Amino acid sequence: MRRAGGDPICKHLPIAPSTFYNHMAKRANPDLLSDRAKRDTALRPEIERI
């Protein structure tokens, strides 16, 4: 299955292309996440347990 790029998606959704590419970059490299997002990811299993 071929994946569409961000431009076709952004034509149909009300988001800026830069927002889409920023999100994809963070998915590919979690080091780009904010400190808060990194803590949230680390705490997720504990929150789900409670």
N, C-alpha and C. Protein backbone atom coordinates (compact mmCIF):
# COMPACT_ATOMS: atom_id res chain seq x y z
N MET A 1 0.84 -1.18 0.00
CA MET A 1 0.00 0.00 0.00
C MET A 1 0.89 1.24 0.00
N ARG A 2 0.65 2.13 -0.90
CA ARG A 2 1.42 3.36 -1.01
C ARG A 2 0.84 4.41 -0.08
N ARG A 3 1.70 5.09 0.64
CA ARG A 3 1.25 6.16 1.54
C ARG A 3 1.25 7.48 0.81
N ALA A 4 0.21 8.23 1.04
CA ALA A 4 0.14 9.58 0.46
C ALA A 4 1.00 10.52 1.29
N GLY A 5 1.53 11.53 0.66
CA GLY A 5 2.30 12.54 1.37
C GLY A 5 1.39 13.48 2.13
N GLY A 6 1.97 14.43 2.78
CA GLY A 6 1.20 15.36 3.60
C GLY A 6 0.36 16.34 2.79
N ASP A 7 0.84 16.71 1.62
CA ASP A 7 0.11 17.72 0.84
C ASP A 7 -1.30 17.26 0.46
N PRO A 8 -1.49 16.03 -0.06
CA PRO A 8 -2.87 15.60 -0.38
C PRO A 8 -3.76 15.55 0.87
N ILE A 9 -3.20 15.14 1.98
CA ILE A 9 -3.97 15.05 3.22
C ILE A 9 -4.39 16.45 3.67
N CYS A 10 -3.47 17.39 3.60
CA CYS A 10 -3.74 18.75 4.07
C CYS A 10 -4.75 19.48 3.19
N LYS A 11 -4.93 19.01 1.95
CA LYS A 11 -5.94 19.62 1.10
C LYS A 11 -7.34 19.28 1.59
N HIS A 12 -7.47 18.14 2.29
CA HIS A 12 -8.78 17.67 2.73
C HIS A 12 -9.05 17.93 4.22
N LEU A 13 -8.02 18.16 4.97
CA LEU A 13 -8.16 18.42 6.40
C LEU A 13 -7.76 19.86 6.69
N PRO A 14 -8.39 20.48 7.68
CA PRO A 14 -8.07 21.89 7.98
C PRO A 14 -6.82 22.05 8.85
N ILE A 15 -5.67 21.53 8.36
CA ILE A 15 -4.41 21.70 9.08
C ILE A 15 -3.35 22.21 8.10
N ALA A 16 -2.39 22.94 8.64
CA ALA A 16 -1.30 23.44 7.82
C ALA A 16 -0.32 22.31 7.52
N PRO A 17 0.26 22.27 6.34
CA PRO A 17 1.23 21.23 6.02
C PRO A 17 2.38 21.17 7.04
N SER A 18 2.82 22.33 7.53
CA SER A 18 3.92 22.32 8.50
C SER A 18 3.54 21.58 9.77
N THR A 19 2.28 21.65 10.18
CA THR A 19 1.82 20.92 11.36
C THR A 19 1.90 19.43 11.12
N PHE A 20 1.48 18.98 9.94
CA PHE A 20 1.53 17.57 9.58
C PHE A 20 2.97 17.07 9.60
N TYR A 21 3.88 17.81 8.94
CA TYR A 21 5.27 17.36 8.86
C TYR A 21 5.95 17.41 10.23
N ASN A 22 5.60 18.36 11.07
CA ASN A 22 6.14 18.43 12.43
C ASN A 22 5.72 17.19 13.21
N HIS A 23 4.45 16.81 13.10
CA HIS A 23 3.95 15.62 13.79
C HIS A 23 4.66 14.36 13.29
N MET A 24 4.83 14.24 12.00
CA MET A 24 5.48 13.06 11.44
C MET A 24 6.95 12.99 11.86
N ALA A 25 7.61 14.12 11.95
CA ALA A 25 9.01 14.14 12.39
C ALA A 25 9.12 13.65 13.82
N LYS A 26 8.18 14.06 14.68
CA LYS A 26 8.21 13.63 16.08
C LYS A 26 7.88 12.15 16.23
N ARG A 27 7.01 11.63 15.36
CA ARG A 27 6.71 10.20 15.38
C ARG A 27 7.94 9.40 14.98
N ALA A 28 8.70 9.90 14.01
CA ALA A 28 9.88 9.20 13.52
C ALA A 28 11.05 9.31 14.50
N ASN A 29 11.13 10.42 15.24
CA ASN A 29 12.24 10.65 16.15
C ASN A 29 11.71 11.20 17.48
N PRO A 30 11.41 10.34 18.45
CA PRO A 30 10.84 10.79 19.72
C PRO A 30 11.74 11.77 20.49
N ASP A 31 13.02 11.86 20.14
CA ASP A 31 13.89 12.83 20.81
C ASP A 31 13.44 14.27 20.54
N LEU A 32 12.65 14.48 19.50
CA LEU A 32 12.16 15.82 19.17
C LEU A 32 10.97 16.24 20.02
N LEU A 33 10.40 15.30 20.78
CA LEU A 33 9.25 15.61 21.63
C LEU A 33 9.65 16.56 22.75
N SER A 34 8.69 17.33 23.24
CA SER A 34 8.94 18.21 24.38
C SER A 34 9.18 17.37 25.63
N ASP A 35 9.75 18.00 26.65
CA ASP A 35 9.99 17.28 27.91
C ASP A 35 8.66 16.77 28.47
N ARG A 36 7.62 17.57 28.38
CA ARG A 36 6.29 17.18 28.88
C ARG A 36 5.79 15.94 28.14
N ALA A 37 5.91 15.92 26.83
CA ALA A 37 5.45 14.77 26.04
C ALA A 37 6.26 13.52 26.39
N LYS A 38 7.55 13.68 26.63
CA LYS A 38 8.39 12.54 27.03
C LYS A 38 7.95 12.00 28.38
N ARG A 39 7.65 12.88 29.34
CA ARG A 39 7.17 12.44 30.67
C ARG A 39 5.82 11.75 30.54
N ASP A 40 4.93 12.31 29.72
CA ASP A 40 3.62 11.70 29.52
C ASP A 40 3.75 10.29 28.97
N THR A 41 4.66 10.11 28.03
CA THR A 41 4.88 8.78 27.44
C THR A 41 5.41 7.81 28.50
N ALA A 42 6.33 8.29 29.33
CA ALA A 42 6.89 7.43 30.37
C ALA A 42 5.84 7.08 31.44
N LEU A 43 4.94 7.99 31.72
CA LEU A 43 3.94 7.78 32.76
C LEU A 43 2.69 7.03 32.27
N ARG A 44 2.50 6.91 30.98
CA ARG A 44 1.30 6.31 30.42
C ARG A 44 0.97 4.92 31.01
N PRO A 45 1.94 4.01 31.13
CA PRO A 45 1.61 2.68 31.70
C PRO A 45 1.09 2.78 33.14
N GLU A 46 1.68 3.67 33.93
CA GLU A 46 1.23 3.84 35.31
C GLU A 46 -0.18 4.42 35.36
N ILE A 47 -0.46 5.38 34.52
CA ILE A 47 -1.80 5.99 34.48
C ILE A 47 -2.82 4.96 34.06
N GLU A 48 -2.50 4.15 33.05
CA GLU A 48 -3.43 3.11 32.60
C GLU A 48 -3.66 2.06 33.69
N ARG A 49 -2.60 1.77 34.46
CA ARG A 49 -2.72 0.78 35.54
C ARG A 49 -3.72 1.26 36.59
N ILE A 50 -3.66 2.55 36.91
CA ILE A 50 -4.54 3.12 37.94
C ILE A 50 -5.93 3.21 37.39
